[in-house]
């Protein structure tokens, strides 16, 4: 890829979109890893218990809130 291709606005937009997708996938993988280990304690069946479902929901909510807060702090000027 030559330098002129990197200055193409369309290519830049596509690259940014791919970066956002990769970041979203990374967040989902981390959220799944953290919340699954914390909340799913029994054997895996056809559905989660009420306590597991509640724990997973709360864990995901807290994880995403913390991620958003962290991103806001990083991107805001000091």
N, C-alpha and C. Protein backbone atom coordinates (compact mmCIF):
# COMPACT_ATOMS: atom_id res chain seq x y z
N UNK A 1 0.86 -1.17 0.00
CA UNK A 1 0.00 0.00 0.00
C UNK A 1 0.90 1.23 0.00
N UNK A 2 0.67 2.13 -0.94
CA UNK A 2 1.51 3.32 -1.02
C UNK A 2 0.93 4.45 -0.17
N UNK A 3 1.70 5.52 -0.01
CA UNK A 3 1.30 6.64 0.85
C UNK A 3 0.05 7.34 0.36
N UNK A 4 -0.17 7.39 -0.95
CA UNK A 4 -1.35 8.06 -1.48
C UNK A 4 -2.63 7.32 -1.09
N UNK A 5 -2.56 6.02 -0.97
CA UNK A 5 -3.73 5.25 -0.57
C UNK A 5 -4.12 5.55 0.87
N UNK A 6 -3.14 5.82 1.71
CA UNK A 6 -3.42 6.12 3.11
C UNK A 6 -4.11 7.46 3.30
N UNK A 7 -3.96 8.36 2.32
CA UNK A 7 -4.60 9.68 2.43
C UNK A 7 -6.01 9.68 1.84
N UNK A 8 -6.44 8.57 1.29
CA UNK A 8 -7.78 8.46 0.71
C UNK A 8 -8.82 8.49 1.83
N UNK A 9 -9.74 9.48 1.83
CA UNK A 9 -10.73 9.58 2.90
C UNK A 9 -11.62 8.34 3.03
N UNK A 10 -11.95 7.74 1.93
CA UNK A 10 -12.80 6.55 1.96
C UNK A 10 -12.07 5.39 2.65
N UNK A 11 -10.80 5.23 2.32
CA UNK A 11 -10.00 4.19 2.94
C UNK A 11 -9.83 4.47 4.43
N UNK A 12 -9.61 5.73 4.78
CA UNK A 12 -9.48 6.11 6.19
C UNK A 12 -10.75 5.76 6.96
N UNK A 13 -11.90 6.05 6.36
CA UNK A 13 -13.18 5.75 7.01
C UNK A 13 -13.34 4.24 7.21
N UNK A 14 -12.95 3.47 6.21
CA UNK A 14 -13.04 2.02 6.32
C UNK A 14 -12.12 1.49 7.41
N UNK A 15 -10.92 2.05 7.49
CA UNK A 15 -9.98 1.63 8.53
C UNK A 15 -10.50 1.97 9.92
N UNK A 16 -11.08 3.15 10.07
CA UNK A 16 -11.65 3.55 11.36
C UNK A 16 -12.80 2.62 11.75
N UNK A 17 -13.63 2.26 10.79
CA UNK A 17 -14.74 1.35 11.06
C UNK A 17 -14.21 -0.02 11.51
N UNK A 18 -13.18 -0.50 10.86
CA UNK A 18 -12.59 -1.78 11.25
C UNK A 18 -11.99 -1.72 12.65
N UNK A 19 -11.37 -0.58 12.98
CA UNK A 19 -10.83 -0.40 14.33
C UNK A 19 -11.95 -0.44 15.37
N UNK A 20 -13.08 0.22 15.06
CA UNK A 20 -14.22 0.22 15.99
C UNK A 20 -14.77 -1.19 16.16
N UNK A 21 -14.87 -1.93 15.07
CA UNK A 21 -15.36 -3.31 15.16
C UNK A 21 -14.42 -4.18 16.01
N UNK A 22 -13.13 -4.02 15.79
CA UNK A 22 -12.15 -4.79 16.57
C UNK A 22 -12.25 -4.44 18.05
N UNK A 23 -12.42 -3.16 18.36
CA UNK A 23 -12.54 -2.74 19.75
C UNK A 23 -13.81 -3.32 20.37
N UNK A 24 -14.91 -3.30 19.63
CA UNK A 24 -16.16 -3.85 20.13
C UNK A 24 -16.02 -5.35 20.40
N UNK A 25 -15.38 -6.06 19.50
CA UNK A 25 -15.15 -7.50 19.69
C UNK A 25 -14.28 -7.76 20.92
N UNK A 26 -13.27 -6.93 21.11
CA UNK A 26 -12.40 -7.07 22.28
C UNK A 26 -13.17 -6.85 23.58
N UNK A 27 -14.04 -5.83 23.58
CA UNK A 27 -14.84 -5.54 24.77
C UNK A 27 -15.78 -6.70 25.08
N UNK A 28 -16.43 -7.23 24.06
CA UNK A 28 -17.35 -8.35 24.27
C UNK A 28 -16.60 -9.57 24.79
N UNK A 29 -15.43 -9.84 24.25
CA UNK A 29 -14.65 -11.00 24.71
C UNK A 29 -14.23 -10.83 26.17
N UNK A 30 -13.78 -9.64 26.53
CA UNK A 30 -13.37 -9.39 27.91
C UNK A 30 -14.56 -9.46 28.85
N UNK A 31 -15.67 -8.84 28.45
CA UNK A 31 -16.89 -8.86 29.26
C UNK A 31 -17.34 -10.29 29.48
N UNK A 32 -17.35 -11.08 28.44
CA UNK A 32 -17.76 -12.48 28.55
C UNK A 32 -16.86 -13.24 29.50
N UNK A 33 -15.57 -13.04 29.37
CA UNK A 33 -14.60 -13.73 30.22
C UNK A 33 -14.80 -13.35 31.69
N UNK A 34 -14.88 -12.07 31.97
CA UNK A 34 -15.00 -11.60 33.35
C UNK A 34 -16.34 -12.02 33.96
N UNK A 35 -17.42 -11.72 33.28
CA UNK A 35 -18.75 -11.98 33.84
C UNK A 35 -19.07 -13.47 33.91
N UNK A 36 -18.63 -14.23 32.95
CA UNK A 36 -18.90 -15.68 32.97
C UNK A 36 -18.23 -16.31 34.18
N UNK A 37 -16.94 -15.98 34.37
CA UNK A 37 -16.21 -16.56 35.50
C UNK A 37 -16.82 -16.15 36.84
N UNK A 38 -17.32 -14.93 36.91
CA UNK A 38 -17.89 -14.43 38.16
C UNK A 38 -19.27 -15.00 38.44
N UNK A 39 -20.10 -15.14 37.41
CA UNK A 39 -21.53 -15.39 37.61
C UNK A 39 -22.00 -16.82 37.38
N UNK A 40 -21.38 -17.53 36.49
CA UNK A 40 -21.86 -18.88 36.16
C UNK A 40 -21.10 -19.87 37.03
N UNK A 41 -21.80 -20.35 38.06
CA UNK A 41 -21.14 -21.19 39.06
C UNK A 41 -21.57 -22.65 38.97
N UNK A 42 -22.73 -22.90 38.41
CA UNK A 42 -23.23 -24.27 38.34
C UNK A 42 -22.88 -24.92 37.02
N UNK A 43 -23.45 -26.09 36.83
CA UNK A 43 -23.24 -26.77 35.56
C UNK A 43 -24.04 -26.05 34.47
N UNK A 44 -23.57 -26.17 33.26
CA UNK A 44 -24.21 -25.49 32.14
C UNK A 44 -25.42 -26.31 31.70
N UNK A 45 -26.57 -25.67 31.71
CA UNK A 45 -27.80 -26.33 31.30
C UNK A 45 -28.40 -25.60 30.11
N UNK A 46 -29.69 -25.77 29.94
CA UNK A 46 -30.36 -25.13 28.81
C UNK A 46 -30.63 -23.65 29.06
N UNK A 47 -30.57 -23.23 30.33
CA UNK A 47 -30.78 -21.81 30.65
C UNK A 47 -30.05 -21.48 31.94
N UNK A 48 -29.88 -20.19 32.18
CA UNK A 48 -29.24 -19.73 33.40
C UNK A 48 -30.24 -19.73 34.54
N UNK A 49 -29.75 -19.91 35.75
CA UNK A 49 -30.61 -19.75 36.92
C UNK A 49 -30.95 -18.26 37.06
N UNK A 50 -31.95 -17.95 37.87
CA UNK A 50 -32.32 -16.54 38.07
C UNK A 50 -31.15 -15.74 38.63
N UNK A 51 -30.43 -16.31 39.57
CA UNK A 51 -29.30 -15.58 40.16
C UNK A 51 -28.17 -15.39 39.15
N UNK A 52 -27.93 -16.39 38.31
CA UNK A 52 -26.90 -16.26 37.28
C UNK A 52 -27.29 -15.20 36.26
N UNK A 53 -28.55 -15.21 35.83
CA UNK A 53 -29.02 -14.22 34.86
C UNK A 53 -28.92 -12.81 35.42
N UNK A 54 -29.31 -12.65 36.67
CA UNK A 54 -29.22 -11.34 37.32
C UNK A 54 -27.77 -10.89 37.45
N UNK A 55 -26.92 -11.80 37.87
CA UNK A 55 -25.50 -11.49 38.02
C UNK A 55 -24.88 -11.10 36.67
N UNK A 56 -25.17 -11.87 35.62
CA UNK A 56 -24.64 -11.56 34.29
C UNK A 56 -25.10 -10.19 33.81
N UNK A 57 -26.37 -9.90 34.02
CA UNK A 57 -26.91 -8.60 33.60
C UNK A 57 -26.23 -7.46 34.35
N UNK A 58 -26.14 -7.59 35.66
CA UNK A 58 -25.50 -6.54 36.47
C UNK A 58 -24.02 -6.40 36.15
N UNK A 59 -23.35 -7.51 35.97
CA UNK A 59 -21.92 -7.50 35.65
C UNK A 59 -21.68 -6.80 34.31
N UNK A 60 -22.47 -7.15 33.31
CA UNK A 60 -22.32 -6.53 31.99
C UNK A 60 -22.59 -5.03 32.07
N UNK A 61 -23.62 -4.65 32.80
CA UNK A 61 -23.95 -3.23 32.93
C UNK A 61 -22.80 -2.47 33.59
N UNK A 62 -22.28 -2.99 34.69
CA UNK A 62 -21.17 -2.33 35.39
C UNK A 62 -19.92 -2.28 34.52
N UNK A 63 -19.64 -3.37 33.82
CA UNK A 63 -18.47 -3.44 32.96
C UNK A 63 -18.55 -2.37 31.88
N UNK A 64 -19.70 -2.26 31.22
CA UNK A 64 -19.86 -1.28 30.15
C UNK A 64 -19.84 0.15 30.67
N UNK A 65 -20.45 0.38 31.83
CA UNK A 65 -20.41 1.72 32.43
C UNK A 65 -18.97 2.12 32.74
N UNK A 66 -18.20 1.21 33.29
CA UNK A 66 -16.81 1.49 33.61
C UNK A 66 -16.00 1.74 32.34
N UNK A 67 -16.25 0.96 31.32
CA UNK A 67 -15.55 1.12 30.04
C UNK A 67 -15.85 2.50 29.45
N UNK A 68 -17.12 2.90 29.48
CA UNK A 68 -17.50 4.21 28.94
C UNK A 68 -16.87 5.34 29.76
N UNK A 69 -16.89 5.22 31.07
CA UNK A 69 -16.28 6.23 31.94
C UNK A 69 -14.79 6.34 31.66
N UNK A 70 -14.13 5.20 31.52
CA UNK A 70 -12.70 5.20 31.23
C UNK A 70 -12.42 5.88 29.90
N UNK A 71 -13.20 5.57 28.88
CA UNK A 71 -13.00 6.17 27.57
C UNK A 71 -13.25 7.68 27.61
N UNK A 72 -14.25 8.12 28.37
CA UNK A 72 -14.52 9.54 28.50
C UNK A 72 -13.35 10.25 29.18
N UNK A 73 -12.84 9.65 30.23
CA UNK A 73 -11.71 10.25 30.96
C UNK A 73 -10.47 10.34 30.07
N UNK A 74 -10.23 9.32 29.29
CA UNK A 74 -9.06 9.31 28.41
C UNK A 74 -9.19 10.37 27.33
N UNK A 75 -10.39 10.53 26.78
CA UNK A 75 -10.57 11.43 25.64
C UNK A 75 -10.81 12.88 26.04
N UNK A 76 -11.14 13.15 27.30
CA UNK A 76 -11.41 14.53 27.70
C UNK A 76 -10.11 15.26 28.02
N UNK A 77 -10.05 16.54 27.63
CA UNK A 77 -8.85 17.33 27.94
C UNK A 77 -8.76 17.59 29.44
N UNK A 78 -7.59 17.71 29.92
CA UNK A 78 -7.39 17.91 31.37
C UNK A 78 -7.42 19.35 31.73
